[in-house]
Amino acid sequence: MKDRGFIVPVGGAEEKIGDVAILRRFAALCGGEGCRIAIIPTASEVSETGRRYEELFRGLGVREARALPIASREEAELREWLDVLEEVDGVFLTGGNQLRLSTTIGGTEMAKALRRRNREGMHVAGTSAGAAFLCEHMIAFGREGGSPRARIVTLAPGLGLTNRIIIDQHFRQRDRLGRLLTALAYNPFAIGIGLDENTAGFIGPDESLEVVGGGALTIVDPSELEFSSMARVRKNDAVCLIGLKLHILDQGSTFNLHTRVAAAAPAIARRV
């Protein structure tokens, strides 16, 4: 039985000129020059988005990069595009509005095929809105700020590739710690992942996450949460959370979603 494919959330605004480390790493993961990658630009309202990523991946030497411009639930059931998923090594979901993804693709044959193919070994990446959509519990929208407050975030069902994490993107740039903490306060089962721009977490089938990119990845681990006031606070009140564990990870650092152990990048560890 093949291992599950990688799940790769990207914080948005990944480099598209120069080193393009995240896109290059994803293309290499999918097989490099011999691979096929499908792009799903559904979250974006910009018509050129799919074509732009086709050009980017082709520029990295992949064998085939094809956009599937799914704009309606009817199109998410098209056999022609479902057949494409059976042949590709990876799928990349672009940024935009994550509710366009959940309301257009959620519950369709396309969503089922994405989950099945990921279980069979196909790698799935998403940037910005595409990253938020990857997990079972998706942050649909919320207010910015550093403190958790009652009802400042709205959750919706995501694609469901994993239920271990809740993802937020553009994390430092848009001051989103408060809304990620609030989302975790609703259900402390999951691990919170806050992705800065141009930063990705490559989550392997062994549940080990590696950071790639130029920013930081914030891990909020509520597994030892001792107290939450979420059940008793009113709208906009601050939420008291005691016992959270926080990690700030950079390029090459790792976090195991199963054991919940973080490790610094080897080069940094050797200098300590």
Protein backbone atom coordinates (compact mmCIF):
# COMPACT_ATOMS: atom_id res chain seq x y z
CA MET A 1 0.00 0.00 0.00
CA LYS A 2 1.38 3.41 -0.99
CA ASP A 3 1.98 6.09 1.58
CA ARG A 4 -0.27 9.13 1.68
CA GLY A 5 0.97 12.02 -0.43
CA PHE A 6 2.42 15.15 1.11
CA ILE A 7 0.11 17.95 2.25
CA VAL A 8 1.74 21.34 1.66
CA PRO A 9 0.10 24.51 3.02
CA VAL A 10 1.78 27.75 1.88
CA GLY A 11 1.25 31.08 3.62
CA GLY A 12 0.69 33.02 0.40
CA ALA A 13 2.85 35.41 -1.62
CA GLU A 14 5.39 32.68 -2.34
CA GLU A 15 8.33 33.76 -4.47
CA LYS A 16 7.54 33.55 -8.18
CA ILE A 17 10.74 35.19 -9.45
CA GLY A 18 14.27 34.15 -8.59
CA ASP A 19 14.80 31.19 -6.28
CA VAL A 20 11.09 30.15 -6.10
CA ALA A 21 12.16 27.68 -3.39
CA ILE A 22 8.67 26.52 -2.39
CA LEU A 23 7.39 25.90 -5.91
CA ARG A 24 10.69 24.26 -6.84
CA ARG A 25 10.50 21.96 -3.81
CA PHE A 26 6.91 20.99 -4.63
CA ALA A 27 7.79 20.26 -8.27
CA ALA A 28 10.75 18.12 -7.18
CA LEU A 29 8.55 16.27 -4.69
CA CYS A 30 6.10 15.46 -7.49
CA GLY A 31 8.88 13.98 -9.65
CA GLY A 32 10.64 16.93 -11.27
CA GLU A 33 11.01 16.84 -15.05
CA GLY A 34 8.87 13.74 -15.43
CA CYS A 35 5.91 14.89 -13.35
CA ARG A 36 2.45 16.20 -14.11
CA ILE A 37 0.84 18.90 -11.97
CA ALA A 38 -2.77 20.10 -12.02
CA ILE A 39 -3.57 23.64 -10.88
CA ILE A 40 -6.96 24.51 -9.38
CA PRO A 41 -7.44 28.33 -9.45
CA THR A 42 -11.04 28.26 -8.17
CA ALA A 43 -10.33 30.52 -5.18
CA SER A 44 -9.14 33.34 -7.43
CA GLU A 45 -11.32 35.80 -9.31
CA VAL A 46 -8.38 36.73 -11.56
CA SER A 47 -8.72 34.89 -14.85
CA GLU A 48 -4.97 34.72 -15.45
CA THR A 49 -4.15 32.93 -12.18
CA GLY A 50 -4.27 29.39 -13.56
CA ARG A 51 -2.21 30.30 -16.61
CA ARG A 52 0.39 32.05 -14.43
CA TYR A 53 1.00 28.90 -12.39
CA GLU A 54 1.11 26.79 -15.55
CA GLU A 55 3.96 29.01 -16.74
CA LEU A 56 5.72 28.89 -13.37
CA PHE A 57 5.71 25.10 -13.16
CA ARG A 58 6.65 24.69 -16.81
CA GLY A 59 9.53 27.07 -16.16
CA LEU A 60 10.69 24.63 -13.48
CA GLY A 61 10.85 21.91 -16.12
CA VAL A 62 7.86 19.76 -15.20
CA ARG A 63 6.50 17.52 -17.94
CA GLU A 64 2.99 18.94 -17.83
CA ALA A 65 1.19 21.68 -15.89
CA ARG A 66 -2.52 22.08 -16.54
CA ALA A 67 -5.04 24.43 -14.96
CA LEU A 68 -8.54 23.17 -14.20
CA PRO A 69 -10.59 26.42 -14.07
CA ILE A 70 -13.47 25.03 -11.99
CA ALA A 71 -15.96 27.87 -11.59
CA SER A 72 -19.15 25.98 -10.65
CA ARG A 73 -20.25 22.85 -8.84
CA GLU A 74 -21.32 21.40 -12.18
CA GLU A 75 -17.77 21.80 -13.48
CA ALA A 76 -16.45 20.07 -10.34
CA GLU A 77 -18.26 16.95 -11.57
CA LEU A 78 -16.83 16.97 -15.13
CA ARG A 79 -15.39 13.57 -16.06
CA GLU A 80 -12.71 15.17 -18.22
CA TRP A 81 -11.21 17.00 -15.25
CA LEU A 82 -11.71 14.10 -12.85
CA ASP A 83 -9.72 11.97 -15.28
CA VAL A 84 -6.86 14.49 -15.15
CA LEU A 85 -6.55 13.85 -11.39
CA GLU A 86 -6.01 10.16 -12.06
CA GLU A 87 -2.86 10.94 -14.08
CA VAL A 88 -1.15 13.76 -12.17
CA ASP A 89 1.50 13.52 -9.48
CA GLY A 90 0.48 16.69 -7.68
CA VAL A 91 -2.26 19.30 -7.36
CA PHE A 92 -1.73 22.98 -6.50
CA LEU A 93 -4.63 25.10 -5.22
CA THR A 94 -4.12 28.84 -5.69
CA GLY A 95 -5.00 31.73 -3.41
CA GLY A 96 -8.06 33.95 -3.41
CA ASN A 97 -11.14 33.34 -1.26
CA GLN A 98 -11.37 30.01 0.56
CA LEU A 99 -15.17 30.14 0.57
CA ARG A 100 -15.06 29.98 -3.23
CA LEU A 101 -13.25 26.66 -2.80
CA SER A 102 -15.52 25.23 -0.12
CA THR A 103 -18.78 26.27 -1.78
CA THR A 104 -17.72 25.28 -5.30
CA ILE A 105 -15.77 22.06 -4.67
CA GLY A 106 -16.95 20.88 -1.24
CA GLY A 107 -19.08 17.72 -1.44
CA THR A 108 -18.42 17.16 -5.16
CA GLU A 109 -16.73 14.31 -7.00
CA MET A 110 -13.69 16.57 -7.36
CA ALA A 111 -13.36 16.86 -3.56
CA LYS A 112 -13.73 13.09 -3.18
CA ALA A 113 -11.13 12.47 -5.87
CA LEU A 114 -8.66 14.88 -4.25
CA ARG A 115 -8.96 13.08 -0.91
CA ARG A 116 -8.69 9.64 -2.47
CA ARG A 117 -5.74 10.50 -4.68
CA ASN A 118 -3.91 12.08 -1.73
CA ARG A 119 -4.43 8.85 0.23
CA GLU A 120 -2.99 6.99 -2.77
CA GLY A 121 0.15 9.12 -2.85
CA MET A 122 -0.64 12.24 -4.89
CA HIS A 123 0.80 15.40 -3.32
CA VAL A 124 -1.52 18.36 -2.66
CA ALA A 125 -0.37 21.93 -2.03
CA GLY A 126 -2.36 25.08 -1.48
CA THR A 127 -1.31 28.69 -1.09
CA SER A 128 -3.17 31.32 0.96
CA ALA A 129 -6.88 30.43 0.57
CA GLY A 130 -5.80 27.11 -0.92
CA ALA A 131 -3.82 26.38 2.26
CA ALA A 132 -6.77 27.14 4.55
CA PHE A 133 -8.97 24.76 2.53
CA LEU A 134 -6.70 21.73 2.88
CA CYS A 135 -7.72 20.68 6.39
CA GLU A 136 -11.04 19.47 7.80
CA HIS A 137 -11.75 22.62 9.82
CA MET A 138 -11.20 25.75 7.71
CA ILE A 139 -10.96 29.32 8.92
CA ALA A 140 -13.48 31.00 6.62
CA PHE A 141 -12.91 34.55 7.85
CA GLY A 142 -12.23 36.51 11.02
CA ARG A 143 -10.88 39.69 12.55
CA GLU A 144 -7.22 40.56 12.95
CA GLY A 145 -5.46 41.07 16.27
CA GLY A 146 -3.11 39.37 18.68
CA SER A 147 -5.61 38.24 21.35
CA PRO A 148 -8.25 35.50 21.20
CA ARG A 149 -11.76 36.94 21.48
CA ALA A 150 -15.13 35.25 21.43
CA ARG A 151 -16.74 34.95 18.00
CA ILE A 152 -14.04 36.82 16.04
CA VAL A 153 -13.54 33.84 13.72
CA THR A 154 -15.89 31.73 11.62
CA LEU A 155 -15.05 28.12 10.77
CA ALA A 156 -16.38 26.11 7.84
CA PRO A 157 -15.75 22.59 6.55
CA GLY A 158 -12.62 22.34 4.40
CA LEU A 159 -11.39 19.70 1.99
CA GLY A 160 -10.55 17.29 4.81
CA LEU A 161 -7.13 15.96 3.84
CA THR A 162 -6.27 16.03 7.56
CA ASN A 163 -8.10 16.73 10.81
CA ARG A 164 -4.90 17.22 12.82
CA ILE A 165 -4.42 20.91 12.03
CA ILE A 166 -6.13 24.27 11.56
CA ILE A 167 -4.28 26.60 9.18
CA ASP A 168 -4.07 30.36 9.00
CA GLN A 169 -2.06 32.19 6.34
CA HIS A 170 -0.45 35.64 5.79
CA PHE A 171 0.05 35.13 9.51
CA ARG A 172 2.52 37.77 10.73
CA GLN A 173 1.74 40.17 7.88
CA ARG A 174 -1.97 40.35 8.81
CA ASP A 175 -1.68 39.91 12.61
CA ARG A 176 -3.74 36.70 12.79
CA LEU A 177 -2.57 35.07 16.03
CA GLY A 178 -5.80 36.02 17.82
CA ARG A 179 -8.10 34.39 15.32
CA LEU A 180 -6.04 31.18 15.18
CA LEU A 181 -6.11 30.98 18.99
CA THR A 182 -9.87 31.56 18.94
CA ALA A 183 -10.35 28.78 16.39
CA LEU A 184 -8.36 26.41 18.61
CA ALA A 185 -10.37 27.47 21.66
CA TYR A 186 -13.51 26.14 19.96
CA ASN A 187 -11.91 22.69 19.68
CA PRO A 188 -8.47 22.15 21.24
CA PHE A 189 -8.04 18.79 19.49
CA ALA A 190 -6.27 20.30 16.47
CA ILE A 191 -2.83 21.90 16.23
CA GLY A 192 -2.74 25.50 14.99
CA ILE A 193 -0.39 26.34 12.13
CA GLY A 194 0.20 30.00 11.29
CA LEU A 195 2.10 30.49 8.04
CA ASP A 196 3.92 33.70 7.20
CA GLU A 197 4.03 34.72 3.56
CA ASN A 198 6.57 32.87 1.39
CA THR A 199 6.62 30.06 3.96
CA ALA A 200 5.36 26.49 3.64
CA GLY A 201 4.97 23.39 5.76
CA PHE A 202 5.73 20.14 3.91
CA ILE A 203 3.76 17.51 5.85
CA GLY A 204 4.83 13.98 5.00
CA PRO A 205 2.93 10.70 5.40
CA ASP A 206 4.76 10.14 8.70
CA GLU A 207 3.07 13.33 10.03
CA SER A 208 6.40 15.17 10.18
CA LEU A 209 6.28 18.80 9.03
CA GLU A 210 9.32 20.59 7.60
CA VAL A 211 9.45 24.36 7.11
CA VAL A 212 10.51 25.70 3.72
CA GLY A 213 10.72 29.39 2.84
CA GLY A 214 11.82 32.77 4.02
CA GLY A 215 9.41 33.45 6.89
CA ALA A 216 8.35 31.78 10.11
CA LEU A 217 5.82 29.06 10.82
CA THR A 218 3.99 29.36 14.14
CA ILE A 219 2.83 26.20 15.90
CA VAL A 220 0.18 26.46 18.63
CA ASP A 221 -0.14 23.16 20.47
CA PRO A 222 -3.20 22.99 22.79
CA SER A 223 -2.63 19.36 23.87
CA GLU A 224 -1.77 20.45 27.44
CA LEU A 225 -4.49 23.12 27.68
CA GLU A 226 -5.52 23.43 31.33
CA PHE A 227 -8.32 25.96 31.08
CA SER A 228 -10.43 27.77 28.49
CA SER A 229 -13.07 30.43 29.21
CA MET A 230 -14.62 30.13 25.72
CA ALA A 231 -17.86 28.57 27.01
CA ARG A 232 -18.69 31.50 29.26
CA VAL A 233 -17.51 34.64 27.44
CA ARG A 234 -19.69 37.00 25.41
CA LYS A 235 -19.08 38.26 21.89
CA ASN A 236 -15.81 40.22 21.57
CA ASP A 237 -14.72 39.36 25.14
CA ALA A 238 -11.12 38.23 25.58
CA VAL A 239 -10.74 34.45 25.97
CA CYS A 240 -8.58 33.05 28.77
CA LEU A 241 -6.42 30.10 27.63
CA ILE A 242 -3.96 28.51 30.08
CA GLY A 243 -1.40 25.86 29.17
CA LEU A 244 -0.87 26.44 25.45
CA LYS A 245 2.52 25.61 23.95
CA LEU A 246 3.97 27.87 21.24
CA HIS A 247 6.78 27.17 18.75
CA ILE A 248 8.22 29.54 16.15
CA LEU A 249 9.94 27.56 13.39
CA ASP A 250 12.08 28.72 10.48
CA GLN A 251 13.62 27.19 7.35
CA GLY A 252 14.55 23.54 7.94
CA SER A 253 12.91 23.26 11.36
CA THR A 254 10.52 20.36 11.93
CA PHE A 255 7.46 19.46 13.98
CA ASN A 256 5.93 16.02 14.37
CA LEU A 257 2.13 16.25 14.40
CA HIS A 258 1.87 12.86 16.12
CA THR A 259 4.45 13.19 18.89
CA ARG A 260 4.14 17.01 18.99
CA VAL A 261 7.92 17.40 19.20
CA ALA A 262 9.61 20.40 17.53
CA ALA A 263 13.24 20.47 16.37
CA ALA A 264 15.43 23.26 15.08
CA ALA A 265 17.06 23.00 11.67
CA PRO A 266 20.22 20.84 11.89
CA ALA A 267 22.60 23.69 11.02
CA ILE A 268 21.18 25.82 13.84
CA ALA A 269 21.24 22.93 16.30
CA ARG A 270 24.95 22.37 15.63
CA ARG A 271 25.76 26.01 16.41
CA VAL A 272 24.08 25.93 19.82
